[in-house]
Amino acid sequence: MASAHGIPRPATRPNNPDFSSGPCAKRPGFSLDALSGAMLGRSHRAAEPKARIVEVISRSRALLGMPAEWKLGVVPASDTGAVEMAMWSMLGERPVDVLAHESFSEGWATDIVKQLKLADARIITAPYGALPELSVVNPTHDVVLAWNGTTSGVKFPDGDWIAADRAGLVICDATSAAFAMDLPWNKLDVVTWSWQKVLGGEAAHGMLALSPRAVARLENYKPPRPLPKIFRLTSGGKLIEGIFKGETINTPSMLCVEDALDGLRWAESIGGLPALIARSASNLEAVAEWVARSDWAAFLAGDPSIRSSTAICLTIKAPWSTALSPEAQAKAAKRLAALLDTEGVAYDIASYRDAPPGLRIWGGATVERGDIVALLPWLDWAASQLAAEHVPHTAAE
């Protein structure tokens, strides 16, 4: 059993201690030399730099197996910008169901109710570690969801619950799912993600994918609200096709573009999407094997079928922790993460600020299973330090 008392300091350390859930670890073997060909000091509208942006789009489409009839473009403001563009441009034609079960999906619910002020919005909630009741989703409504709860460690296991003959659109925030999980493209209409998650890219740029049904909504529905320039996807009632052909709305970083290409090429070199999914699944498997032996740690998501392989969220179940007040539990969890940070074995793995106290370990495809395996004894060691601090007499037993 992985005891929480009297654990010696482990001898082996992860080669890469970067387990942050965003920005995430760079791909194995990365160095800045990989970006030496970046089109720096060039206009993103010039032929060669624009070709690099188009290459990001085309390689992403191919790697994800996106249907040929879908549109894909690079947009401002990371995944957040992509989701907001979709919501502000498309919502309001019909009622909307928002599936809110963690911080980011709760944020979309807040924007829909308090900023867009949609009267026919229905918020379907679930606590951290669970999914909302999916049977109540109305297929005549639009739906907004986060496929993988980055802050809760919960994913949608499949799209079987989404009606094939739905009348509404499904807007899917897939930022910590894309490239690590199978997405049911036939059940989705808008899919968004960012570069800094599963492929370890740099921040500030989002990807927006639109089905033909989403394009039809854009061209046939005029929202009753002003749209900032960076949200506008149509002109004169028609889709701005250039956005999906490398003509970005604002100026992208060509350094970040080169970095995104590096991640995509790496993904292709190891076997594409199946290999990426397998790497992430293997990371979760390593943690699950350890949790099964642990007497102090548990998954926040109790149901294995909805457990995320990218944002792996853990709670502390040890008696010394559960006996504490909620405030003291949160403090202890932060102390646990701080110990690991100080030792240089795991950076940035405290649970998200709105989530239950615990740890959040990124298990995306750029993380090596060997580093996860090397980290786990350090978790036991850090927990033993906290146990000694909160139950001092156990150190002498």
Protein backbone atom coordinates (compact mmCIF):
# COMPACT_ATOMS: atom_id res chain seq x y z
CA MET A 1 0.00 0.00 0.00
CA ALA A 2 1.17 3.52 -0.76
CA SER A 3 1.24 4.76 2.82
CA ALA A 4 1.04 8.45 3.70
CA HIS A 5 3.43 8.12 6.64
CA GLY A 6 7.19 7.81 6.89
CA ILE A 7 7.97 7.85 3.17
CA PRO A 8 11.65 8.51 2.39
CA ARG A 9 12.56 11.06 -0.26
CA PRO A 10 12.53 9.19 -3.61
CA ALA A 11 15.79 8.77 -5.50
CA THR A 12 14.34 9.14 -9.02
CA ARG A 13 12.98 12.39 -10.40
CA PRO A 14 10.90 13.10 -13.51
CA ASN A 15 13.08 14.17 -16.41
CA ASN A 16 10.50 16.86 -17.17
CA PRO A 17 8.65 18.23 -14.12
CA ASP A 18 6.20 20.29 -16.22
CA PHE A 19 2.75 18.93 -15.40
CA SER A 20 0.82 22.18 -15.77
CA SER A 21 -2.65 21.99 -17.32
CA GLY A 22 -2.02 25.01 -19.48
CA PRO A 23 0.28 26.02 -20.99
CA CYS A 24 1.28 22.37 -21.04
CA ALA A 25 4.56 20.50 -21.39
CA LYS A 26 6.40 20.88 -24.68
CA ARG A 27 6.72 17.77 -26.82
CA PRO A 28 9.56 15.36 -25.94
CA GLY A 29 12.91 16.54 -27.26
CA PHE A 30 11.77 20.11 -27.87
CA SER A 31 14.31 22.90 -28.04
CA LEU A 32 14.16 26.45 -29.33
CA ASP A 33 16.18 25.30 -32.33
CA ALA A 34 12.93 23.80 -33.64
CA LEU A 35 11.67 27.35 -34.20
CA SER A 36 14.69 28.61 -36.12
CA GLY A 37 12.71 28.77 -39.36
CA ALA A 38 9.99 31.05 -37.97
CA MET A 39 8.92 33.87 -40.31
CA LEU A 40 9.87 36.61 -37.87
CA GLY A 41 9.76 40.21 -39.01
CA ARG A 42 7.45 39.29 -41.89
CA SER A 43 3.87 40.27 -42.59
CA HIS A 44 1.45 37.46 -41.86
CA ARG A 45 -0.28 38.46 -45.11
CA ALA A 46 2.79 37.78 -47.24
CA ALA A 47 2.77 34.56 -49.26
CA GLU A 48 5.27 32.51 -47.24
CA PRO A 49 4.05 33.42 -43.71
CA LYS A 50 0.43 32.97 -44.81
CA ALA A 51 1.37 29.53 -46.14
CA ARG A 52 2.59 28.60 -42.64
CA ILE A 53 -0.78 29.57 -41.17
CA VAL A 54 -2.55 27.54 -43.83
CA GLU A 55 -0.26 24.63 -43.00
CA VAL A 56 -1.36 24.76 -39.34
CA ILE A 57 -4.96 24.53 -40.54
CA SER A 58 -4.38 21.71 -43.01
CA ARG A 59 -2.21 19.60 -40.70
CA SER A 60 -4.70 20.06 -37.84
CA ARG A 61 -7.60 18.98 -40.04
CA ALA A 62 -5.78 15.88 -41.23
CA LEU A 63 -4.51 14.89 -37.78
CA LEU A 64 -7.96 15.17 -36.22
CA GLY A 65 -9.75 13.44 -39.08
CA MET A 66 -12.06 16.41 -39.49
CA PRO A 67 -14.81 15.96 -42.12
CA ALA A 68 -13.93 17.54 -45.45
CA GLU A 69 -16.99 19.79 -45.46
CA TRP A 70 -16.05 21.48 -42.18
CA LYS A 71 -14.31 24.88 -42.02
CA LEU A 72 -11.28 25.46 -39.76
CA GLY A 73 -9.60 28.76 -38.97
CA VAL A 74 -7.12 30.43 -36.62
CA VAL A 75 -8.80 33.05 -34.41
CA PRO A 76 -7.75 35.48 -31.66
CA ALA A 77 -7.68 34.99 -27.89
CA SER A 78 -7.06 31.27 -27.54
CA ASP A 79 -9.90 28.80 -26.94
CA THR A 80 -11.79 31.44 -24.96
CA GLY A 81 -11.90 33.72 -27.97
CA ALA A 82 -13.08 30.91 -30.22
CA VAL A 83 -15.93 29.93 -27.87
CA GLU A 84 -16.99 33.54 -27.37
CA MET A 85 -16.99 34.16 -31.14
CA ALA A 86 -19.32 31.21 -31.62
CA MET A 87 -21.67 32.13 -28.79
CA TRP A 88 -21.97 35.83 -29.64
CA SER A 89 -22.39 35.14 -33.35
CA MET A 90 -24.78 32.17 -33.25
CA LEU A 91 -26.81 32.02 -30.04
CA GLY A 92 -30.25 33.54 -29.68
CA GLU A 93 -32.14 31.99 -32.56
CA ARG A 94 -33.53 29.21 -30.32
CA PRO A 95 -33.35 28.21 -26.64
CA VAL A 96 -29.98 27.02 -25.36
CA ASP A 97 -29.00 24.30 -22.88
CA VAL A 98 -25.68 24.91 -21.15
CA LEU A 99 -24.01 21.90 -19.54
CA ALA A 100 -22.10 23.36 -16.61
CA HIS A 101 -20.07 20.98 -14.46
CA GLU A 102 -16.74 22.77 -13.95
CA SER A 103 -15.18 26.21 -14.05
CA PHE A 104 -15.00 26.91 -17.76
CA SER A 105 -18.43 25.58 -18.67
CA GLU A 106 -19.79 27.55 -15.72
CA GLY A 107 -18.10 30.57 -17.28
CA TRP A 108 -19.91 30.00 -20.57
CA ALA A 109 -23.17 29.77 -18.61
CA THR A 110 -22.43 33.10 -16.92
CA ASP A 111 -21.69 34.78 -20.24
CA ILE A 112 -24.88 33.43 -21.79
CA VAL A 113 -27.11 34.50 -18.92
CA LYS A 114 -25.46 37.72 -17.73
CA GLN A 115 -23.71 39.09 -20.84
CA LEU A 116 -25.76 37.81 -23.76
CA LYS A 117 -28.82 37.89 -21.47
CA LEU A 118 -30.58 35.07 -23.33
CA ALA A 119 -34.00 34.62 -21.77
CA ASP A 120 -34.39 31.04 -23.00
CA ALA A 121 -31.15 29.73 -21.49
CA ARG A 122 -31.31 26.64 -19.29
CA ILE A 123 -28.31 25.81 -17.13
CA ILE A 124 -27.98 22.07 -16.47
CA THR A 125 -25.46 21.62 -13.67
CA ALA A 126 -23.48 18.90 -11.95
CA PRO A 127 -20.94 19.02 -9.11
CA TYR A 128 -17.22 18.70 -9.75
CA GLY A 129 -16.41 15.09 -10.57
CA ALA A 130 -19.70 14.35 -12.32
CA LEU A 131 -21.54 15.05 -15.58
CA PRO A 132 -24.94 16.76 -15.85
CA GLU A 133 -28.04 14.66 -16.51
CA LEU A 134 -27.83 14.30 -20.27
CA SER A 135 -31.28 12.82 -20.83
CA VAL A 136 -32.88 16.21 -20.20
CA VAL A 137 -31.02 17.95 -23.06
CA ASN A 138 -33.57 19.12 -25.62
CA PRO A 139 -32.57 18.35 -29.24
CA THR A 140 -34.49 21.40 -30.44
CA HIS A 141 -32.23 23.63 -28.33
CA ASP A 142 -28.69 24.78 -28.99
CA VAL A 143 -26.20 23.15 -26.59
CA VAL A 144 -22.98 24.57 -25.14
CA LEU A 145 -20.53 22.25 -23.40
CA ALA A 146 -16.90 21.57 -22.52
CA TRP A 147 -16.02 18.10 -23.80
CA ASN A 148 -13.30 17.70 -21.19
CA GLY A 149 -13.52 19.49 -17.87
CA THR A 150 -10.00 20.83 -17.53
CA THR A 151 -10.70 21.86 -13.93
CA SER A 152 -12.68 18.78 -12.86
CA GLY A 153 -11.02 15.84 -14.61
CA VAL A 154 -14.33 14.79 -16.18
CA LYS A 155 -14.93 14.08 -19.87
CA PHE A 156 -17.91 13.11 -21.98
CA PRO A 157 -17.42 9.41 -22.75
CA ASP A 158 -19.15 9.61 -26.14
CA GLY A 159 -21.72 11.53 -28.17
CA ASP A 160 -24.43 8.88 -28.08
CA TRP A 161 -26.68 11.18 -26.05
CA ILE A 162 -26.66 13.83 -28.80
CA ALA A 163 -29.56 13.42 -31.25
CA ALA A 164 -28.46 12.78 -34.83
CA ASP A 165 -31.55 14.64 -36.08
CA ARG A 166 -31.14 17.55 -33.66
CA ALA A 167 -32.50 20.93 -34.69
CA GLY A 168 -30.12 22.94 -32.52
CA LEU A 169 -26.37 23.41 -32.77
CA VAL A 170 -23.85 21.78 -30.44
CA ILE A 171 -21.06 24.20 -29.51
CA CYS A 172 -18.18 22.18 -28.04
CA ASP A 173 -15.25 23.63 -26.15
CA ALA A 174 -12.69 20.87 -26.80
CA THR A 175 -9.55 22.62 -25.67
CA SER A 176 -8.17 19.85 -23.42
CA ALA A 177 -9.77 17.05 -25.47
CA ALA A 178 -8.69 17.75 -29.05
CA PHE A 179 -5.72 15.53 -30.05
CA ALA A 180 -6.13 13.32 -26.95
CA MET A 181 -9.69 12.02 -27.29
CA ASP A 182 -11.97 10.86 -30.07
CA LEU A 183 -14.48 13.57 -30.95
CA PRO A 184 -17.80 12.56 -32.60
CA TRP A 185 -17.71 15.10 -35.42
CA ASN A 186 -21.13 14.01 -36.71
CA LYS A 187 -22.68 15.00 -33.38
CA LEU A 188 -20.97 18.40 -33.08
CA ASP A 189 -21.37 21.69 -34.97
CA VAL A 190 -18.78 24.04 -33.51
CA VAL A 191 -15.51 22.73 -32.05
CA THR A 192 -12.86 24.96 -30.47
CA TRP A 193 -9.42 24.44 -28.96
CA SER A 194 -6.12 26.18 -28.36
CA TRP A 195 -2.51 25.41 -29.22
CA GLN A 196 -1.21 25.26 -25.66
CA LYS A 197 -2.88 22.06 -24.50
CA VAL A 198 -2.37 18.54 -25.90
CA LEU A 199 0.35 19.48 -28.41
CA GLY A 200 2.12 21.83 -25.99
CA GLY A 201 1.98 24.91 -28.20
CA GLU A 202 2.26 28.52 -27.14
CA ALA A 203 -0.64 30.70 -26.04
CA ALA A 204 -2.91 33.40 -27.49
CA HIS A 205 -4.30 31.64 -30.57
CA GLY A 206 -7.51 29.65 -30.89
CA MET A 207 -8.90 27.25 -33.47
CA LEU A 208 -12.51 27.44 -34.61
CA ALA A 209 -14.08 24.56 -36.55
CA LEU A 210 -17.54 24.90 -38.11
CA SER A 211 -19.87 22.28 -39.54
CA PRO A 212 -22.09 23.09 -42.53
CA ARG A 213 -24.98 23.52 -40.08
CA ALA A 214 -22.98 26.10 -38.13
CA VAL A 215 -22.13 27.98 -41.33
CA ALA A 216 -25.83 27.99 -42.26
CA ARG A 217 -26.68 29.51 -38.87
CA LEU A 218 -24.09 32.23 -39.36
CA GLU A 219 -25.39 33.10 -42.81
CA ASN A 220 -29.10 32.97 -41.98
CA TYR A 221 -29.27 34.42 -38.46
CA LYS A 222 -28.42 37.98 -37.52
CA PRO A 223 -27.85 38.27 -33.77
CA PRO A 224 -29.61 41.21 -32.07
CA ARG A 225 -26.38 42.59 -30.64
CA PRO A 226 -23.32 44.49 -31.86
CA LEU A 227 -20.27 42.33 -32.51
CA PRO A 228 -16.67 43.51 -31.99
CA LYS A 229 -14.48 43.19 -35.06
CA ILE A 230 -12.63 40.15 -33.70
CA PHE A 231 -15.96 38.30 -33.30
CA ARG A 232 -17.26 38.91 -36.82
CA LEU A 233 -17.40 35.79 -38.95
CA THR A 234 -19.69 37.09 -41.69
CA SER A 235 -19.87 40.05 -44.04
CA GLY A 236 -22.99 40.94 -45.97
CA GLY A 237 -24.68 37.81 -44.68
CA LYS A 238 -21.97 35.48 -45.99
CA LEU A 239 -19.19 33.63 -44.18
CA ILE A 240 -15.84 35.41 -44.38
CA GLU A 241 -14.08 32.56 -46.15
CA GLY A 242 -10.65 34.14 -45.77
CA ILE A 243 -10.62 33.40 -42.03
CA PHE A 244 -10.58 29.72 -42.93
CA LYS A 245 -7.87 30.14 -45.55
CA GLY A 246 -5.16 31.66 -43.38
CA GLU A 247 -6.36 35.29 -43.49
CA THR A 248 -6.52 35.86 -39.75
CA ILE A 249 -8.71 38.56 -38.20
CA ASN A 250 -5.80 40.06 -36.29
CA THR A 251 -2.02 39.68 -36.39
CA PRO A 252 -0.84 36.24 -35.23
CA SER A 253 2.56 35.51 -33.75
CA MET A 254 4.61 33.81 -36.44
CA LEU A 255 6.81 32.38 -33.67
CA CYS A 256 3.73 30.69 -32.18
CA VAL A 257 2.69 29.53 -35.64
CA GLU A 258 6.07 27.85 -36.11
CA ASP A 259 5.76 26.26 -32.68
CA ALA A 260 2.29 24.93 -33.52
CA LEU A 261 3.68 23.40 -36.70
CA ASP A 262 6.47 21.76 -34.72
CA GLY A 263 3.93 20.11 -32.43
CA LEU A 264 1.79 18.94 -35.35
CA ARG A 265 4.80 17.46 -37.17
CA TRP A 266 5.86 15.65 -34.01
CA ALA A 267 2.36 14.23 -33.64
CA GLU A 268 2.44 12.97 -37.21
CA SER A 269 5.88 11.44 -36.70
CA ILE A 270 4.78 9.27 -33.76
CA GLY A 271 1.69 7.86 -35.49
CA GLY A 272 -0.92 10.60 -35.53
CA LEU A 273 -4.13 10.77 -33.51
CA PRO A 274 -4.19 7.09 -32.41
CA ALA A 275 -0.70 7.46 -30.94
CA LEU A 276 -1.59 10.74 -29.19
CA ILE A 277 -4.69 9.17 -27.64
CA ALA A 278 -2.71 6.11 -26.56
CA ARG A 279 0.01 8.20 -24.89
CA SER A 280 -2.54 10.16 -22.87
CA ALA A 281 -4.49 7.01 -21.95
CA SER A 282 -1.26 5.39 -20.77
CA ASN A 283 -0.56 8.33 -18.47
CA LEU A 284 -3.99 8.00 -16.88
CA GLU A 285 -3.47 4.26 -16.55
CA ALA A 286 -0.25 4.82 -14.60
CA VAL A 287 -2.00 7.18 -12.19
CA ALA A 288 -4.99 4.82 -11.84
CA GLU A 289 -2.73 1.91 -10.90
CA TRP A 290 -1.15 4.06 -8.21
CA VAL A 291 -4.48 5.42 -6.91
CA ALA A 292 -5.74 1.85 -6.53
CA ARG A 293 -2.92 1.24 -4.02
CA SER A 294 -3.07 4.61 -2.29
CA ASP A 295 -4.49 5.12 1.18
CA TRP A 296 -4.61 8.90 0.88
CA ALA A 297 -5.42 9.89 -2.75
CA ALA A 298 -8.54 9.39 -4.88
CA PHE A 299 -9.84 10.56 -8.24
CA LEU A 300 -12.20 13.52 -8.18
CA ALA A 301 -14.15 11.71 -10.93
CA GLY A 302 -15.32 8.49 -9.31
CA ASP A 303 -16.70 6.95 -12.49
CA PRO A 304 -13.83 5.62 -14.66
CA SER A 305 -15.92 5.99 -17.85
CA ILE A 306 -15.95 9.78 -17.51
CA ARG A 307 -12.43 10.19 -16.14
CA SER A 308 -10.18 12.54 -18.10
CA SER A 309 -6.83 11.32 -19.37
CA THR A 310 -5.51 14.85 -19.78
CA ALA A 311 -6.58 16.84 -16.72
CA ILE A 312 -6.11 14.17 -14.04
CA CYS A 313 -7.70 15.56 -10.87
CA LEU A 314 -7.06 14.02 -7.46
CA THR A 315 -8.50 14.63 -4.02
CA ILE A 316 -7.04 13.87 -0.60
CA LYS A 317 -9.03 11.20 1.26
CA ALA A 318 -6.64 10.66 4.21
CA PRO A 319 -8.31 11.02 7.65
CA TRP A 320 -5.96 13.81 8.67
CA SER A 321 -7.23 15.86 5.70
CA THR A 322 -10.93 15.03 5.82
CA ALA A 323 -10.98 16.02 9.49
CA LEU A 324 -9.93 19.56 8.59
CA SER A 325 -12.21 22.51 7.83
CA PRO A 326 -12.73 23.29 4.12
CA GLU A 327 -10.36 26.23 4.43
CA ALA A 328 -7.69 24.10 6.09
CA GLN A 329 -8.15 21.38 3.46
CA ALA A 330 -7.52 23.92 0.70
CA LYS A 331 -4.45 25.20 2.51
CA ALA A 332 -3.11 21.66 2.95
CA ALA A 333 -3.59 20.84 -0.73
CA LYS A 334 -1.70 23.98 -1.72
CA ARG A 335 1.04 23.04 0.72
CA LEU A 336 1.25 19.62 -0.93
CA ALA A 337 1.70 21.18 -4.37
CA ALA A 338 4.22 23.67 -2.98
CA LEU A 339 6.39 20.87 -1.54
CA LEU A 340 6.58 19.23 -4.95
CA ASP A 341 7.37 22.56 -6.60
CA THR A 342 10.15 23.27 -4.11
CA GLU A 343 11.66 19.86 -4.80
CA GLY A 344 11.56 20.60 -8.54
CA VAL A 345 9.64 17.40 -9.34
CA ALA A 346 6.25 18.85 -10.32
CA TYR A 347 5.36 22.39 -11.26
CA ASP A 348 1.90 23.95 -11.26
CA ILE A 349 -0.18 20.94 -10.17
CA ALA A 350 -2.41 22.52 -7.53
CA SER A 351 -6.11 22.09 -8.28
CA TYR A 352 -7.85 24.93 -10.10
CA ARG A 353 -8.89 27.78 -7.82
CA ASP A 354 -12.62 27.01 -8.11
CA ALA A 355 -12.26 23.23 -7.86
CA PRO A 356 -12.26 21.06 -4.73
CA PRO A 357 -8.87 20.99 -2.96
CA GLY A 358 -6.41 18.51 -4.40
CA LEU A 359 -3.97 18.07 -7.25
CA ARG A 360 -4.29 18.33 -11.02
CA ILE A 361 -1.69 16.47 -13.08
CA TRP A 362 -1.60 17.04 -16.82
CA GLY A 363 -1.50 13.70 -18.65
CA GLY A 364 -1.70 14.92 -22.24
CA ALA A 365 0.26 13.41 -25.11
CA THR A 366 3.40 15.50 -24.63
CA VAL A 367 3.89 14.03 -21.14
CA GLU A 368 6.00 10.88 -20.97
CA ARG A 369 4.59 7.96 -18.96
CA GLY A 370 8.02 7.53 -17.38
CA ASP A 371 7.78 11.02 -15.91
CA ILE A 372 4.33 10.27 -14.49
CA VAL A 373 5.67 7.04 -12.95
CA ALA A 374 8.63 8.90 -11.46
CA LEU A 375 6.33 11.56 -10.00
CA LEU A 376 4.01 9.21 -8.12
CA PRO A 377 6.42 8.25 -5.29
CA TRP A 378 7.01 11.95 -4.77
CA LEU A 379 3.27 12.43 -4.23
CA ASP A 380 3.44 9.80 -1.47
CA TRP A 381 6.48 11.50 0.02
CA ALA A 382 4.82 14.93 0.03
CA ALA A 383 1.63 13.49 1.54
CA SER A 384 3.71 11.89 4.30
CA GLN A 385 5.18 15.31 5.11
CA LEU A 386 1.71 16.77 5.45
CA ALA A 387 0.53 13.85 7.55
CA ALA A 388 3.44 14.43 9.93
CA GLU A 389 2.59 18.14 10.12
CA HIS A 390 -1.10 17.53 10.89
CA VAL A 391 -0.72 14.38 13.02
CA PRO A 392 2.72 14.85 14.63
CA HIS A 393 2.59 11.73 16.81
CA THR A 394 2.51 9.45 13.77
CA ALA A 395 6.10 10.34 12.97
CA ALA A 396 7.27 8.59 16.11
CA GLU A 397 5.08 5.50 15.77
